[in-house]
Amino acid sequence: MTDTVPTTALAPLPSLAAQAERLIELGVHELAGKTADELRAFTGAAATADTDALLAVHPDRVPPSALAPLLRRGDKPGFVVVDMPDVDDFRPYGVELPDAPFYLVTGLDRGDHMADWSPEEALPAIVREGRSPLTLAEGIHWVLQQPAALERNHCFMTIGSRLRKANGAYDARTPAIWISNGTGRDGRERRDAPKVGWCWWGNRHTWLGFGSATGRRP
């Protein structure tokens, strides 16, 4: 393995105004306890500073379990795997989120160049690149706004979220977002649906990169 710069080629994100309307259409502002006008005012103020940034709602306001069902791929809604009932207990890991209900995430990359790396191997490389791993909630927001960010054989992990156990150690599960094959407990009816699941901290997967960003700001 060698460190490389991010190479993922995706179209620019929708404008912040368009992203706000998308979240309003999905009712995310209501889940966050905010009005549509408050969300529009935030993006209006931020639009002059960022032309290609992701609008995110702080996970303390809207947790991943509430966001995942809003994902769509064709007519299939997103879901969280059944063996991750504690998904909302995964907290930012090595990442400092702005203390605000809404914030911006800049310089998104899917980390395709790190496919077949383990989270344990990828995290120090991401940091050496001067980047920050995405949290699970940020990854879901990205796919909500840009469904093309999730492709078969080109999905991504969100290792900026981890679960600390009662003994202080970290759970070996690390969150990821990919596309269900409709096997096992997913159920055949969920084939091709966006899926929030997990992989082991030390395992590699050829079809999973590592979502990251250059920064965040309120």
C-alpha atoms as a PDB file:
ATOM      1  CA  MET A   1       0.000   0.000   0.000  1.00  0.00           C
ATOM      2  CA  THR A   2       1.125   3.534  -0.713  1.00  0.00           C
ATOM      3  CA  ASP A   3      -0.433   6.822   0.312  1.00  0.00           C
ATOM      4  CA  THR A   4      -2.033   8.674  -2.580  1.00  0.00           C
ATOM      5  CA  VAL A   5      -4.143  11.760  -3.009  1.00  0.00           C
ATOM      6  CA  PRO A   6      -7.913  11.276  -3.355  1.00  0.00           C
ATOM      7  CA  THR A   7      -8.998  10.409  -6.903  1.00  0.00           C
ATOM      8  CA  THR A   8     -12.758   9.905  -6.712  1.00  0.00           C
ATOM      9  CA  ALA A   9     -14.458  11.649  -9.646  1.00  0.00           C
ATOM     10  CA  LEU A  10     -17.992  12.776  -8.852  1.00  0.00           C
ATOM     11  CA  ALA A  11     -20.101  15.659 -10.111  1.00  0.00           C
ATOM     12  CA  PRO A  12     -20.287  18.787  -7.926  1.00  0.00           C
ATOM     13  CA  LEU A  13     -22.808  18.776  -5.129  1.00  0.00           C
ATOM     14  CA  PRO A  14     -26.114  20.601  -5.591  1.00  0.00           C
ATOM     15  CA  SER A  15     -26.135  24.198  -4.409  1.00  0.00           C
ATOM     16  CA  LEU A  16     -26.634  24.778  -0.695  1.00  0.00           C
ATOM     17  CA  ALA A  17     -30.060  26.249  -1.443  1.00  0.00           C
ATOM     18  CA  ALA A  18     -31.017  23.093  -3.325  1.00  0.00           C
ATOM     19  CA  GLN A  19     -29.661  20.925  -0.513  1.00  0.00           C
ATOM     20  CA  ALA A  20     -31.765  22.841   1.993  1.00  0.00           C
ATOM     21  CA  GLU A  21     -34.897  22.280  -0.077  1.00  0.00           C
ATOM     22  CA  ARG A  22     -34.090  18.590  -0.327  1.00  0.00           C
ATOM     23  CA  LEU A  23     -33.891  18.276   3.472  1.00  0.00           C
ATOM     24  CA  ILE A  24     -37.074  20.308   3.863  1.00  0.00           C
ATOM     25  CA  GLU A  25     -38.856  18.020   1.369  1.00  0.00           C
ATOM     26  CA  LEU A  26     -37.781  15.036   3.477  1.00  0.00           C
ATOM     27  CA  GLY A  27     -38.828  16.699   6.730  1.00  0.00           C
ATOM     28  CA  VAL A  28     -35.322  16.663   8.209  1.00  0.00           C
ATOM     29  CA  HIS A  29     -35.687  20.217   9.520  1.00  0.00           C
ATOM     30  CA  GLU A  30     -38.696  19.107  11.567  1.00  0.00           C
ATOM     31  CA  LEU A  31     -36.776  16.139  12.971  1.00  0.00           C
ATOM     32  CA  ALA A  32     -34.110  18.660  14.018  1.00  0.00           C
ATOM     33  CA  GLY A  33     -36.675  20.883  15.732  1.00  0.00           C
ATOM     34  CA  LYS A  34     -36.085  23.728  13.284  1.00  0.00           C
ATOM     35  CA  THR A  35     -38.284  25.575  10.815  1.00  0.00           C
ATOM     36  CA  ALA A  36     -37.818  25.540   7.073  1.00  0.00           C
ATOM     37  CA  ASP A  37     -37.061  29.273   7.206  1.00  0.00           C
ATOM     38  CA  GLU A  38     -34.277  28.709   9.744  1.00  0.00           C
ATOM     39  CA  LEU A  39     -32.639  26.143   7.474  1.00  0.00           C
ATOM     40  CA  ARG A  40     -33.001  28.392   4.435  1.00  0.00           C
ATOM     41  CA  ALA A  41     -31.509  31.312   6.373  1.00  0.00           C
ATOM     42  CA  PHE A  42     -28.469  29.215   7.298  1.00  0.00           C
ATOM     43  CA  THR A  43     -27.766  28.186   3.732  1.00  0.00           C
ATOM     44  CA  GLY A  44     -28.404  31.705   2.484  1.00  0.00           C
ATOM     45  CA  ALA A  45     -25.740  33.060   4.821  1.00  0.00           C
ATOM     46  CA  ALA A  46     -23.311  30.248   4.007  1.00  0.00           C
ATOM     47  CA  ALA A  47     -23.758  30.232   0.238  1.00  0.00           C
ATOM     48  CA  THR A  48     -21.396  33.131  -0.340  1.00  0.00           C
ATOM     49  CA  ALA A  49     -18.513  31.248   1.295  1.00  0.00           C
ATOM     50  CA  ASP A  50     -18.919  27.714  -0.105  1.00  0.00           C
ATOM     51  CA  THR A  51     -19.903  26.702  -3.620  1.00  0.00           C
ATOM     52  CA  ASP A  52     -19.288  22.954  -3.232  1.00  0.00           C
ATOM     53  CA  ALA A  53     -19.984  21.992   0.371  1.00  0.00           C
ATOM     54  CA  LEU A  54     -22.306  19.474   1.983  1.00  0.00           C
ATOM     55  CA  LEU A  55     -25.057  20.679   4.294  1.00  0.00           C
ATOM     56  CA  ALA A  56     -25.185  18.491   7.400  1.00  0.00           C
ATOM     57  CA  VAL A  57     -27.452  18.396  10.434  1.00  0.00           C
ATOM     58  CA  HIS A  58     -25.691  17.654  13.712  1.00  0.00           C
ATOM     59  CA  PRO A  59     -26.322  14.023  14.775  1.00  0.00           C
ATOM     60  CA  ASP A  60     -27.415  15.204  18.208  1.00  0.00           C
ATOM     61  CA  ARG A  61     -30.353  16.774  16.366  1.00  0.00           C
ATOM     62  CA  VAL A  62     -31.097  14.006  13.859  1.00  0.00           C
ATOM     63  CA  PRO A  63     -29.399  10.630  14.455  1.00  0.00           C
ATOM     64  CA  PRO A  64     -28.427   8.152  11.723  1.00  0.00           C
ATOM     65  CA  SER A  65     -31.368   5.863  12.523  1.00  0.00           C
ATOM     66  CA  ALA A  66     -33.747   8.653  11.481  1.00  0.00           C
ATOM     67  CA  LEU A  67     -31.781   9.560   8.342  1.00  0.00           C
ATOM     68  CA  ALA A  68     -31.168   6.084   6.919  1.00  0.00           C
ATOM     69  CA  PRO A  69     -34.832   5.356   5.961  1.00  0.00           C
ATOM     70  CA  LEU A  70     -34.851   8.587   3.919  1.00  0.00           C
ATOM     71  CA  LEU A  71     -32.223   7.225   1.527  1.00  0.00           C
ATOM     72  CA  ARG A  72     -33.514   5.967  -1.819  1.00  0.00           C
ATOM     73  CA  ARG A  73     -32.079   3.927  -4.659  1.00  0.00           C
ATOM     74  CA  GLY A  74     -34.736   3.617  -7.293  1.00  0.00           C
ATOM     75  CA  ASP A  75     -37.853   2.743  -5.328  1.00  0.00           C
ATOM     76  CA  LYS A  76     -35.949   1.095  -2.468  1.00  0.00           C
ATOM     77  CA  PRO A  77     -35.703   2.971   0.856  1.00  0.00           C
ATOM     78  CA  GLY A  78     -32.567   2.809   2.953  1.00  0.00           C
ATOM     79  CA  PHE A  79     -32.273   0.782   6.128  1.00  0.00           C
ATOM     80  CA  VAL A  80     -29.986  -0.075   9.044  1.00  0.00           C
ATOM     81  CA  VAL A  81     -28.908  -3.702   9.408  1.00  0.00           C
ATOM     82  CA  VAL A  82     -30.734  -5.624  12.117  1.00  0.00           C
ATOM     83  CA  ASP A  83     -27.567  -6.382  14.074  1.00  0.00           C
ATOM     84  CA  MET A  84     -26.815  -2.677  14.545  1.00  0.00           C
ATOM     85  CA  PRO A  85     -29.645  -1.581  16.873  1.00  0.00           C
ATOM     86  CA  ASP A  86     -27.125   0.645  18.662  1.00  0.00           C
ATOM     87  CA  VAL A  87     -26.310   2.639  15.517  1.00  0.00           C
ATOM     88  CA  ASP A  88     -27.039   5.974  17.233  1.00  0.00           C
ATOM     89  CA  ASP A  89     -24.504   5.199  19.964  1.00  0.00           C
ATOM     90  CA  PHE A  90     -21.663   5.473  17.457  1.00  0.00           C
ATOM     91  CA  ARG A  91     -20.176   8.881  18.173  1.00  0.00           C
ATOM     92  CA  PRO A  92     -17.617  11.103  16.399  1.00  0.00           C
ATOM     93  CA  TYR A  93     -14.167   9.523  16.638  1.00  0.00           C
ATOM     94  CA  GLY A  94     -11.120  11.708  16.089  1.00  0.00           C
ATOM     95  CA  VAL A  95     -13.473  14.298  14.623  1.00  0.00           C
ATOM     96  CA  GLU A  96     -14.664  17.585  16.125  1.00  0.00           C
ATOM     97  CA  LEU A  97     -18.080  18.647  14.901  1.00  0.00           C
ATOM     98  CA  PRO A  98     -19.165  22.297  14.984  1.00  0.00           C
ATOM     99  CA  ASP A  99     -21.386  23.109  17.951  1.00  0.00           C
ATOM    100  CA  ALA A 100     -24.349  24.089  15.799  1.00  0.00           C
ATOM    101  CA  PRO A 101     -27.533  22.440  14.517  1.00  0.00           C
ATOM    102  CA  PHE A 102     -26.397  22.886  10.903  1.00  0.00           C
ATOM    103  CA  TYR A 103     -22.871  22.918   9.511  1.00  0.00           C
ATOM    104  CA  LEU A 104     -20.913  22.494   6.286  1.00  0.00           C
ATOM    105  CA  VAL A 105     -18.585  19.681   5.252  1.00  0.00           C
ATOM    106  CA  THR A 106     -16.032  20.563   2.566  1.00  0.00           C
ATOM    107  CA  GLY A 107     -13.825  18.647   0.161  1.00  0.00           C
ATOM    108  CA  LEU A 108     -15.723  15.352   0.115  1.00  0.00           C
ATOM    109  CA  ASP A 109     -14.039  12.253  -1.246  1.00  0.00           C
ATOM    110  CA  ARG A 110     -15.225   8.650  -1.344  1.00  0.00           C
ATOM    111  CA  GLY A 111     -11.729   7.246  -0.904  1.00  0.00           C
ATOM    112  CA  ASP A 112     -11.816   4.795  -3.801  1.00  0.00           C
ATOM    113  CA  HIS A 113      -8.005   4.772  -3.778  1.00  0.00           C
ATOM    114  CA  MET A 114      -8.156   3.057  -0.374  1.00  0.00           C
ATOM    115  CA  ALA A 115     -10.399   0.199  -1.458  1.00  0.00           C
ATOM    116  CA  ASP A 116      -9.157  -3.075   0.036  1.00  0.00           C
ATOM    117  CA  TRP A 117      -7.624  -1.272   3.017  1.00  0.00           C
ATOM    118  CA  SER A 118      -8.818  -1.910   6.550  1.00  0.00           C
ATOM    119  CA  PRO A 119     -10.112   0.974   8.689  1.00  0.00           C
ATOM    120  CA  GLU A 120      -7.064   0.486  10.885  1.00  0.00           C
ATOM    121  CA  GLU A 121      -4.806   1.060   7.870  1.00  0.00           C
ATOM    122  CA  ALA A 122      -6.860   3.835   6.282  1.00  0.00           C
ATOM    123  CA  LEU A 123      -7.294   6.182   9.235  1.00  0.00           C
ATOM    124  CA  PRO A 124      -3.612   7.208   9.609  1.00  0.00           C
ATOM    125  CA  ALA A 125      -3.331   7.643   5.841  1.00  0.00           C
ATOM    126  CA  ILE A 126      -6.382   9.937   5.796  1.00  0.00           C
ATOM    127  CA  VAL A 127      -4.850  12.007   8.595  1.00  0.00           C
ATOM    128  CA  ARG A 128      -1.492  12.192   6.775  1.00  0.00           C
ATOM    129  CA  GLU A 129      -3.328  13.584   3.768  1.00  0.00           C
ATOM    130  CA  GLY A 130      -4.578  16.425   5.976  1.00  0.00           C
ATOM    131  CA  ARG A 131      -8.118  15.121   5.785  1.00  0.00           C
ATOM    132  CA  SER A 132     -10.764  13.956   8.256  1.00  0.00           C
ATOM    133  CA  PRO A 133     -12.875  10.770   8.086  1.00  0.00           C
ATOM    134  CA  LEU A 134     -16.603  11.233   7.603  1.00  0.00           C
ATOM    135  CA  THR A 135     -19.014  10.411  10.380  1.00  0.00           C
ATOM    136  CA  LEU A 136     -21.873   8.061   9.618  1.00  0.00           C
ATOM    137  CA  ALA A 137     -24.438  10.880   9.670  1.00  0.00           C
ATOM    138  CA  GLU A 138     -22.315  12.919   7.233  1.00  0.00           C
ATOM    139  CA  GLY A 139     -22.062   9.946   4.899  1.00  0.00           C
ATOM    140  CA  ILE A 140     -25.826   9.529   4.908  1.00  0.00           C
ATOM    141  CA  HIS A 141     -26.315  13.242   4.243  1.00  0.00           C
ATOM    142  CA  TRP A 142     -23.951  12.942   1.290  1.00  0.00           C
ATOM    143  CA  VAL A 143     -25.937  10.100  -0.296  1.00  0.00           C
ATOM    144  CA  LEU A 144     -29.206  11.927   0.400  1.00  0.00           C
ATOM    145  CA  GLN A 145     -27.945  14.877  -1.614  1.00  0.00           C
ATOM    146  CA  GLN A 146     -25.908  12.987  -4.206  1.00  0.00           C
ATOM    147  CA  PRO A 147     -27.202   9.425  -4.674  1.00  0.00           C
ATOM    148  CA  ALA A 148     -24.491   8.797  -7.284  1.00  0.00           C
ATOM    149  CA  ALA A 149     -21.946   8.835  -4.449  1.00  0.00           C
ATOM    150  CA  LEU A 150     -23.113   5.281  -3.710  1.00  0.00           C
ATOM    151  CA  GLU A 151     -22.286   2.897  -6.566  1.00  0.00           C
ATOM    152  CA  ARG A 152     -22.118  -0.855  -6.691  1.00  0.00           C
ATOM    153  CA  ASN A 153     -18.514  -1.903  -6.042  1.00  0.00           C
ATOM    154  CA  HIS A 154     -17.708   1.702  -5.066  1.00  0.00           C
ATOM    155  CA  CYS A 155     -19.268   2.269  -1.655  1.00  0.00           C
ATOM    156  CA  PHE A 156     -17.612   3.695   1.458  1.00  0.00           C
ATOM    157  CA  MET A 157     -16.949   3.411   5.161  1.00  0.00           C
ATOM    158  CA  THR A 158     -17.524   6.225   7.651  1.00  0.00           C
ATOM    159  CA  ILE A 159     -14.824   5.619  10.238  1.00  0.00           C
ATOM    160  CA  GLY A 160     -15.287   9.037  11.824  1.00  0.00           C
ATOM    161  CA  SER A 161     -17.931   7.291  13.952  1.00  0.00           C
ATOM    162  CA  ARG A 162     -17.123   4.584  16.501  1.00  0.00           C
ATOM    163  CA  LEU A 163     -18.733   3.038  19.541  1.00  0.00           C
ATOM    164  CA  ARG A 164     -16.928   3.162  22.897  1.00  0.00           C
ATOM    165  CA  LYS A 165     -17.832   0.203  25.090  1.00  0.00           C
ATOM    166  CA  ALA A 166     -18.489   0.339  28.830  1.00  0.00           C
ATOM    167  CA  ASN A 167     -14.917  -0.799  29.557  1.00  0.00           C
ATOM    168  CA  GLY A 168     -13.497   2.143  27.567  1.00  0.00           C
ATOM    169  CA  ALA A 169     -12.343   0.089  24.587  1.00  0.00           C
ATOM    170  CA  TYR A 170     -13.741   0.706  21.113  1.00  0.00           C
ATOM    171  CA  ASP A 171     -16.149  -1.721  19.486  1.00  0.00           C
ATOM    172  CA  ALA A 172     -14.502  -3.462  16.522  1.00  0.00           C
ATOM    173  CA  ARG A 173     -17.506  -2.684  14.317  1.00  0.00           C
ATOM    174  CA  THR A 174     -17.058   0.350  12.073  1.00  0.00           C
ATOM    175  CA  PRO A 175     -19.978   1.894  10.128  1.00  0.00           C
ATOM    176  CA  ALA A 176     -20.280   1.803   6.363  1.00  0.00           C
ATOM    177  CA  ILE A 177     -22.845   2.628   3.679  1.00  0.00           C
ATOM    178  CA  TRP A 178     -23.297   0.280   0.754  1.00  0.00           C
ATOM    179  CA  ILE A 179     -25.900  -1.403  -1.457  1.00  0.00           C
ATOM    180  CA  SER A 180     -27.720  -4.495  -0.270  1.00  0.00           C
ATOM    181  CA  ASN A 181     -27.608  -7.717  -2.278  1.00  0.00           C
ATOM    182  CA  GLY A 182     -30.848  -8.812  -0.634  1.00  0.00           C
ATOM    183  CA  THR A 183     -29.221 -11.795   1.012  1.00  0.00           C
ATOM    184  CA  GLY A 184     -29.438 -13.117   4.559  1.00  0.00           C
ATOM    185  CA  ARG A 185     -31.365 -11.064   7.058  1.00  0.00           C
ATOM    186  CA  ASP A 186     -31.610  -8.096   4.665  1.00  0.00           C
ATOM    187  CA  GLY A 187     -34.386  -9.933   2.793  1.00  0.00           C
ATOM    188  CA  ARG A 188     -34.819 -10.258  -0.964  1.00  0.00           C
ATOM    189  CA  GLU A 189     -37.171  -7.285  -1.029  1.00  0.00           C
ATOM    190  CA  ARG A 190     -34.241  -5.071  -0.021  1.00  0.00           C
ATOM    191  CA  ARG A 191     -31.977  -5.999  -2.920  1.00  0.00           C
ATOM    192  CA  ASP A 192     -30.402  -2.791  -4.351  1.00  0.00           C
ATOM    193  CA  ALA A 193     -31.505  -0.718  -1.332  1.00  0.00           C
ATOM    194  CA  PRO A 194     -29.031   1.666   0.380  1.00  0.00           C
ATOM    195  CA  LYS A 195     -27.771  -0.063   3.490  1.00  0.00           C
ATOM    196  CA  VAL A 196     -26.174   1.216   6.701  1.00  0.00           C
ATOM    197  CA  GLY A 197     -24.097  -1.554   8.179  1.00  0.00           C
ATOM    198  CA  TRP A 198     -20.706  -2.278   9.656  1.00  0.00           C
ATOM    199  CA  CYS A 199     -17.393  -4.013   8.978  1.00  0.00           C
ATOM    200  CA  TRP A 200     -14.634  -5.068  11.342  1.00  0.00           C
ATOM    201  CA  TRP A 201     -11.911  -2.541  12.218  1.00  0.00           C
ATOM    202  CA  GLY A 202      -9.195  -4.869  10.943  1.00  0.00           C
ATOM    203  CA  ASN A 203     -10.883  -6.268   7.812  1.00  0.00           C
ATOM    204  CA  ARG A 204     -10.439  -5.261   4.164  1.00  0.00           C
ATOM    205  CA  HIS A 205     -13.110  -5.062   1.469  1.00  0.00           C
ATOM    206  CA  THR A 206     -12.403  -4.480  -2.228  1.00  0.00           C
ATOM    207  CA  TRP A 207     -15.685  -2.595  -2.702  1.00  0.00           C
ATOM    208  CA  LEU A 208     -15.376  -0.163   0.216  1.00  0.00           C
ATOM    209  CA  GLY A 209     -13.404   3.058   0.166  1.00  0.00           C
ATOM    210  CA  PHE A 210     -13.247   5.554   3.041  1.00  0.00           C
ATOM    211  CA  GLY A 211     -15.289   8.750   2.998  1.00  0.00           C
ATOM    212  CA  SER A 212     -13.350  11.830   4.096  1.00  0.00           C
ATOM    213  CA  ALA A 213     -13.429  15.622   4.007  1.00  0.00           C
ATOM    214  CA  THR A 214     -11.030  18.549   4.119  1.00  0.00           C
ATOM    215  CA  GLY A 215     -12.926  20.328   6.879  1.00  0.00           C
ATOM    216  CA  ARG A 216     -16.115  21.391   8.646  1.00  0.00           C
ATOM    217  CA  ARG A 217     -17.474  24.715   9.760  1.00  0.00           C
ATOM    218  CA  PRO A 218     -20.700  26.187  11.161  1.00  0.00           C
END
